[in-house]
């Protein structure tokens, strides 16, 4: 295979989508999120933390305090899309994420996620 074939094959390969977690093993706190491309989002989360530019200031501060070795990046759940043309995974990912947010409750002292507006403690 030449380079063009490899690039085409990569682009045609469906990316795993689902729910991920960034876990601080020193404190037990975590950040839960979703993506239509889990490998890419986990790579981006690592890169932003390494470079000091993560959008979650508390997570970034803990990264600086505890170091990279205290963090684990993992896939919690994957979504297998149906074989339907034009399938939009947005709603399915939202439901899957909500299930994990309810299970892990990564808010305040337990995590880096912000409670949804209007949610009670």
N, C-alpha and C. Protein backbone atom coordinates (compact mmCIF):
# COMPACT_ATOMS: atom_id res chain seq x y z
N UNK A 1 0.83 -1.20 0.00
CA UNK A 1 0.00 0.00 0.00
C UNK A 1 0.87 1.25 0.00
N UNK A 2 0.44 2.23 -0.76
CA UNK A 2 1.17 3.48 -0.74
C UNK A 2 0.54 4.44 0.27
N UNK A 3 1.14 5.56 0.41
CA UNK A 3 0.73 6.53 1.42
C UNK A 3 -0.72 6.98 1.23
N UNK A 4 -1.14 7.25 0.00
CA UNK A 4 -2.50 7.69 -0.28
C UNK A 4 -3.52 6.62 0.13
N UNK A 5 -3.19 5.35 -0.14
CA UNK A 5 -4.09 4.27 0.25
C UNK A 5 -4.21 4.17 1.77
N UNK A 6 -3.10 4.34 2.46
CA UNK A 6 -3.12 4.28 3.92
C UNK A 6 -3.95 5.42 4.51
N UNK A 7 -3.81 6.61 3.95
CA UNK A 7 -4.59 7.76 4.41
C UNK A 7 -6.07 7.53 4.15
N UNK A 8 -6.41 7.04 2.97
CA UNK A 8 -7.81 6.76 2.63
C UNK A 8 -8.39 5.69 3.55
N UNK A 9 -7.61 4.66 3.81
CA UNK A 9 -8.05 3.59 4.70
C UNK A 9 -8.30 4.13 6.12
N UNK A 10 -7.41 4.99 6.59
CA UNK A 10 -7.57 5.60 7.91
C UNK A 10 -8.86 6.43 7.97
N UNK A 11 -9.08 7.26 6.94
CA UNK A 11 -10.26 8.11 6.92
C UNK A 11 -11.55 7.31 6.80
N UNK A 12 -11.50 6.17 6.14
CA UNK A 12 -12.68 5.34 5.96
C UNK A 12 -12.97 4.44 7.16
N UNK A 13 -12.01 4.32 8.07
CA UNK A 13 -12.20 3.47 9.24
C UNK A 13 -12.98 4.25 10.29
N UNK A 14 -14.12 3.69 10.72
CA UNK A 14 -14.90 4.40 11.75
C UNK A 14 -14.10 4.50 13.04
N UNK A 15 -14.14 5.67 13.67
CA UNK A 15 -13.42 5.91 14.91
C UNK A 15 -14.32 5.47 16.07
N UNK A 16 -13.73 4.89 17.11
CA UNK A 16 -14.55 4.51 18.27
C UNK A 16 -15.08 5.76 18.98
N UNK A 17 -16.38 5.73 19.28
CA UNK A 17 -17.00 6.86 19.97
C UNK A 17 -17.58 6.38 21.29
N UNK A 18 -17.70 7.31 22.23
CA UNK A 18 -18.26 6.92 23.51
C UNK A 18 -17.88 7.87 24.63
N UNK A 19 -17.75 7.30 25.84
CA UNK A 19 -17.50 8.06 27.05
C UNK A 19 -16.09 7.79 27.55
N UNK A 20 -15.39 8.85 27.97
CA UNK A 20 -14.03 8.71 28.48
C UNK A 20 -13.94 9.31 29.87
N UNK A 21 -12.83 8.99 30.54
CA UNK A 21 -12.57 9.56 31.86
C UNK A 21 -11.10 9.87 32.00
N UNK A 22 -10.81 11.03 32.61
CA UNK A 22 -9.46 11.37 33.03
C UNK A 22 -9.50 11.26 34.55
N UNK A 23 -8.75 10.30 35.10
CA UNK A 23 -8.79 9.99 36.52
C UNK A 23 -7.50 10.41 37.21
N UNK A 24 -7.65 11.18 38.28
CA UNK A 24 -6.53 11.55 39.13
C UNK A 24 -6.43 10.46 40.20
N UNK A 25 -5.43 9.60 40.09
CA UNK A 25 -5.31 8.47 41.02
C UNK A 25 -4.86 8.91 42.41
N UNK A 26 -4.32 10.10 42.53
CA UNK A 26 -3.89 10.61 43.84
C UNK A 26 -5.08 11.07 44.69
N UNK A 27 -6.09 11.61 44.02
CA UNK A 27 -7.23 12.16 44.76
C UNK A 27 -8.53 11.40 44.51
N UNK A 28 -8.59 10.63 43.42
CA UNK A 28 -9.82 9.93 43.05
C UNK A 28 -10.76 10.79 42.24
N UNK A 29 -10.40 12.05 42.00
CA UNK A 29 -11.25 12.93 41.22
C UNK A 29 -11.13 12.59 39.73
N UNK A 30 -12.22 12.85 38.99
CA UNK A 30 -12.16 12.54 37.56
C UNK A 30 -12.96 13.53 36.75
N UNK A 31 -12.66 13.54 35.47
CA UNK A 31 -13.39 14.30 34.47
C UNK A 31 -14.01 13.30 33.52
N UNK A 32 -15.30 13.40 33.28
CA UNK A 32 -16.02 12.50 32.38
C UNK A 32 -16.49 13.30 31.17
N UNK A 33 -16.34 12.73 29.97
CA UNK A 33 -16.79 13.40 28.76
C UNK A 33 -17.11 12.41 27.66
N UNK A 34 -17.56 12.91 26.53
CA UNK A 34 -17.88 12.07 25.39
C UNK A 34 -17.16 12.58 24.15
N UNK A 35 -17.06 11.70 23.17
CA UNK A 35 -16.48 12.10 21.89
C UNK A 35 -16.89 11.13 20.80
N UNK A 36 -16.93 11.63 19.57
CA UNK A 36 -17.17 10.77 18.42
C UNK A 36 -15.86 10.17 17.94
N UNK A 37 -14.75 10.57 18.57
CA UNK A 37 -13.42 10.03 18.24
C UNK A 37 -12.61 9.93 19.53
N UNK A 38 -12.78 8.82 20.25
CA UNK A 38 -12.15 8.65 21.55
C UNK A 38 -10.62 8.74 21.51
N UNK A 39 -9.94 8.07 20.60
CA UNK A 39 -8.47 8.19 20.59
C UNK A 39 -8.01 9.64 20.45
N UNK A 40 -8.69 10.40 19.60
CA UNK A 40 -8.30 11.80 19.39
C UNK A 40 -8.55 12.66 20.61
N UNK A 41 -9.70 12.48 21.26
CA UNK A 41 -10.00 13.32 22.41
C UNK A 41 -9.07 13.00 23.57
N UNK A 42 -8.73 11.74 23.77
CA UNK A 42 -7.81 11.39 24.86
C UNK A 42 -6.42 11.96 24.59
N UNK A 43 -6.01 11.92 23.34
CA UNK A 43 -4.73 12.53 22.95
C UNK A 43 -4.76 14.04 23.18
N UNK A 44 -5.87 14.68 22.84
CA UNK A 44 -5.99 16.13 23.03
C UNK A 44 -5.99 16.48 24.51
N UNK A 45 -6.70 15.70 25.33
CA UNK A 45 -6.72 15.97 26.78
C UNK A 45 -5.29 15.91 27.35
N UNK A 46 -4.54 14.87 26.97
CA UNK A 46 -3.15 14.73 27.42
C UNK A 46 -2.30 15.92 26.98
N UNK A 47 -2.43 16.27 25.72
CA UNK A 47 -1.62 17.36 25.16
C UNK A 47 -1.94 18.69 25.85
N UNK A 48 -3.21 18.98 26.05
CA UNK A 48 -3.57 20.24 26.70
C UNK A 48 -3.02 20.30 28.12
N UNK A 49 -3.09 19.19 28.85
CA UNK A 49 -2.56 19.16 30.21
C UNK A 49 -1.04 19.31 30.20
N UNK A 50 -0.37 18.59 29.31
CA UNK A 50 1.09 18.66 29.21
C UNK A 50 1.57 20.07 28.89
N UNK A 51 0.81 20.75 28.03
CA UNK A 51 1.20 22.09 27.59
C UNK A 51 0.69 23.19 28.51
N UNK A 52 -0.09 22.82 29.52
CA UNK A 52 -0.57 23.80 30.50
C UNK A 52 -1.75 24.63 30.03
N UNK A 53 -2.47 24.14 29.03
CA UNK A 53 -3.58 24.93 28.50
C UNK A 53 -4.93 24.25 28.55
N UNK A 54 -5.15 23.37 29.51
CA UNK A 54 -6.44 22.69 29.59
C UNK A 54 -7.53 23.66 30.02
N UNK A 55 -8.71 23.53 29.45
CA UNK A 55 -9.82 24.45 29.73
C UNK A 55 -10.35 24.31 31.15
N UNK A 56 -10.12 23.16 31.79
CA UNK A 56 -10.57 22.95 33.17
C UNK A 56 -9.42 23.34 34.10
N UNK A 57 -9.53 24.51 34.70
CA UNK A 57 -8.44 25.06 35.50
C UNK A 57 -8.10 24.20 36.71
N UNK A 58 -9.09 23.61 37.35
CA UNK A 58 -8.84 22.77 38.53
C UNK A 58 -8.07 21.51 38.13
N UNK A 59 -8.47 20.90 37.04
CA UNK A 59 -7.76 19.72 36.54
C UNK A 59 -6.33 20.08 36.18
N UNK A 60 -6.14 21.21 35.52
CA UNK A 60 -4.80 21.66 35.14
C UNK A 60 -3.94 21.90 36.38
N UNK A 61 -4.53 22.50 37.39
CA UNK A 61 -3.80 22.77 38.64
C UNK A 61 -3.37 21.45 39.31
N UNK A 62 -4.27 20.46 39.34
CA UNK A 62 -3.94 19.17 39.93
C UNK A 62 -2.88 18.44 39.11
N UNK A 63 -2.90 18.59 37.80
CA UNK A 63 -1.89 17.99 36.93
C UNK A 63 -0.51 18.55 37.32
N UNK A 64 -0.47 19.85 37.53
CA UNK A 64 0.80 20.49 37.91
C UNK A 64 1.24 20.04 39.31
N UNK A 65 0.30 19.89 40.21
CA UNK A 65 0.60 19.49 41.59
C UNK A 65 1.04 18.03 41.69
N UNK A 66 0.30 17.13 41.07
CA UNK A 66 0.54 15.69 41.24
C UNK A 66 1.40 15.07 40.15
N UNK A 67 1.51 15.72 39.00
CA UNK A 67 2.32 15.20 37.90
C UNK A 67 1.56 14.23 37.01
N UNK A 68 2.08 14.04 35.82
CA UNK A 68 1.44 13.21 34.81
C UNK A 68 1.24 11.77 35.28
N UNK A 69 2.17 11.27 36.09
CA UNK A 69 2.08 9.87 36.52
C UNK A 69 0.88 9.60 37.41
N UNK A 70 0.23 10.63 37.94
CA UNK A 70 -0.94 10.46 38.80
C UNK A 70 -2.25 10.38 38.01
N UNK A 71 -2.18 10.49 36.67
CA UNK A 71 -3.40 10.52 35.87
C UNK A 71 -3.51 9.34 34.92
N UNK A 72 -4.74 8.85 34.81
CA UNK A 72 -5.06 7.74 33.91
C UNK A 72 -6.13 8.24 32.93
N UNK A 73 -5.93 7.95 31.66
CA UNK A 73 -6.88 8.32 30.61
C UNK A 73 -7.52 7.03 30.11
N UNK A 74 -8.84 6.93 30.21
CA UNK A 74 -9.47 5.65 29.87
C UNK A 74 -10.81 5.82 29.18
N UNK A 75 -11.16 4.79 28.43
CA UNK A 75 -12.47 4.70 27.78
C UNK A 75 -13.38 3.95 28.73
N UNK A 76 -14.50 4.56 29.08
CA UNK A 76 -15.46 3.93 29.99
C UNK A 76 -16.49 3.10 29.25
N UNK A 77 -16.91 3.59 28.08
CA UNK A 77 -17.97 2.92 27.35
C UNK A 77 -17.90 3.35 25.89
N UNK A 78 -18.24 2.44 25.00
CA UNK A 78 -18.25 2.78 23.58
C UNK A 78 -19.66 2.64 23.02
N UNK A 79 -19.90 3.38 21.97
CA UNK A 79 -21.19 3.37 21.30
C UNK A 79 -20.99 2.74 19.92
N UNK A 80 -21.75 1.71 19.66
CA UNK A 80 -21.69 1.07 18.34
C UNK A 80 -22.81 1.67 17.50
N UNK A 81 -22.45 2.42 16.47
CA UNK A 81 -23.48 3.07 15.67
C UNK A 81 -24.23 2.06 14.79
N UNK A 82 -25.51 2.29 14.59
CA UNK A 82 -26.26 1.42 13.69
C UNK A 82 -25.81 1.65 12.25
N UNK A 83 -26.04 0.69 11.40
CA UNK A 83 -25.67 0.81 9.99
C UNK A 83 -26.73 1.59 9.23
N UNK A 84 -26.91 2.84 9.64
CA UNK A 84 -27.88 3.71 8.99
C UNK A 84 -27.14 4.90 8.39
N UNK A 85 -27.40 5.19 7.14
CA UNK A 85 -26.76 6.37 6.56
C UNK A 85 -27.25 7.64 7.27
N UNK A 86 -26.34 8.55 7.54
CA UNK A 86 -26.69 9.81 8.15
C UNK A 86 -26.95 9.73 9.65
N UNK A 87 -26.54 8.65 10.28
CA UNK A 87 -26.75 8.49 11.73
C UNK A 87 -26.05 9.59 12.50
N UNK A 88 -26.77 10.23 13.41
CA UNK A 88 -26.21 11.28 14.27
C UNK A 88 -26.14 10.73 15.69
N UNK A 89 -24.92 10.55 16.22
CA UNK A 89 -24.77 9.94 17.54
C UNK A 89 -25.00 10.88 18.72
N UNK A 90 -25.30 12.15 18.47
CA UNK A 90 -25.37 13.15 19.53
C UNK A 90 -26.27 12.74 20.69
N UNK A 91 -27.51 12.36 20.40
CA UNK A 91 -28.45 12.00 21.47
C UNK A 91 -28.01 10.74 22.20
N UNK A 92 -27.54 9.74 21.47
CA UNK A 92 -27.09 8.49 22.09
C UNK A 92 -25.88 8.74 22.99
N UNK A 93 -24.95 9.58 22.56
CA UNK A 93 -23.79 9.91 23.38
C UNK A 93 -24.21 10.67 24.63
N UNK A 94 -25.18 11.55 24.50
CA UNK A 94 -25.66 12.32 25.64
C UNK A 94 -26.26 11.39 26.70
N UNK A 95 -27.05 10.41 26.27
CA UNK A 95 -27.66 9.45 27.20
C UNK A 95 -26.58 8.61 27.87
N UNK A 96 -25.62 8.13 27.09
CA UNK A 96 -24.52 7.33 27.63
C UNK A 96 -23.71 8.13 28.65
N UNK A 97 -23.42 9.38 28.32
CA UNK A 97 -22.68 10.24 29.24
C UNK A 97 -23.47 10.46 30.53
N UNK A 98 -24.76 10.71 30.40
CA UNK A 98 -25.60 10.95 31.58
C UNK A 98 -25.58 9.74 32.51
N UNK A 99 -25.60 8.54 31.94
CA UNK A 99 -25.54 7.33 32.76
C UNK A 99 -24.26 7.29 33.57
N UNK A 100 -23.14 7.61 32.93
CA UNK A 100 -21.85 7.60 33.63
C UNK A 100 -21.74 8.74 34.64
N UNK A 101 -22.30 9.89 34.32
CA UNK A 101 -22.28 11.01 35.27
C UNK A 101 -23.08 10.65 36.53
N UNK A 102 -24.21 9.99 36.34
CA UNK A 102 -25.01 9.56 37.49
C UNK A 102 -24.27 8.50 38.30
N UNK A 103 -23.59 7.60 37.61
CA UNK A 103 -22.87 6.52 38.31
C UNK A 103 -21.67 7.04 39.09
N UNK A 104 -20.88 7.93 38.49
CA UNK A 104 -19.63 8.39 39.09
C UNK A 104 -19.77 9.68 39.89
N UNK A 105 -20.78 10.47 39.57
CA UNK A 105 -21.01 11.76 40.22
C UNK A 105 -19.71 12.57 40.37
N UNK A 106 -19.07 12.91 39.24
CA UNK A 106 -17.77 13.60 39.28
C UNK A 106 -17.88 15.11 39.47
N UNK A 107 -18.54 15.51 40.54
CA UNK A 107 -18.77 16.92 40.81
C UNK A 107 -18.13 17.31 42.13
N UNK A 108 -17.88 18.62 42.28
CA UNK A 108 -17.28 19.20 43.49
C UNK A 108 -16.05 18.40 43.94
N UNK A 109 -16.07 17.88 45.17
CA UNK A 109 -14.89 17.20 45.71
C UNK A 109 -14.62 15.85 45.05
N UNK A 110 -15.57 15.33 44.27
CA UNK A 110 -15.39 14.03 43.63
C UNK A 110 -14.90 14.13 42.19
N UNK A 111 -14.90 15.33 41.64
CA UNK A 111 -14.50 15.40 40.24
C UNK A 111 -14.33 16.79 39.70
N UNK A 112 -14.08 16.83 38.41
CA UNK A 112 -13.78 18.07 37.70
C UNK A 112 -14.96 18.54 36.83
N UNK A 113 -16.02 17.75 36.73
CA UNK A 113 -17.17 18.15 35.94
C UNK A 113 -17.97 19.20 36.70
N UNK A 114 -18.64 20.04 35.94
CA UNK A 114 -19.55 21.01 36.54
C UNK A 114 -20.95 20.42 36.52
N UNK A 115 -21.69 20.67 37.58
CA UNK A 115 -23.08 20.21 37.61
C UNK A 115 -23.86 20.92 36.52
N UNK A 116 -24.78 20.20 35.88
CA UNK A 116 -25.62 20.86 34.88
C UNK A 116 -26.46 21.96 35.54
N UNK A 117 -26.75 22.99 34.80
CA UNK A 117 -27.57 24.09 35.33
C UNK A 117 -28.91 23.55 35.80
N UNK A 118 -29.31 24.05 36.95
CA UNK A 118 -30.60 23.64 37.49
C UNK A 118 -30.55 22.34 38.27
N UNK A 119 -29.41 21.64 38.26
CA UNK A 119 -29.28 20.39 39.00
C UNK A 119 -29.05 20.69 40.46
N UNK A 120 -29.61 19.86 41.30
CA UNK A 120 -29.43 20.02 42.73
C UNK A 120 -28.39 19.04 43.23
N UNK A 121 -27.82 19.33 44.38
CA UNK A 121 -26.78 18.46 44.95
C UNK A 121 -27.36 17.27 45.65
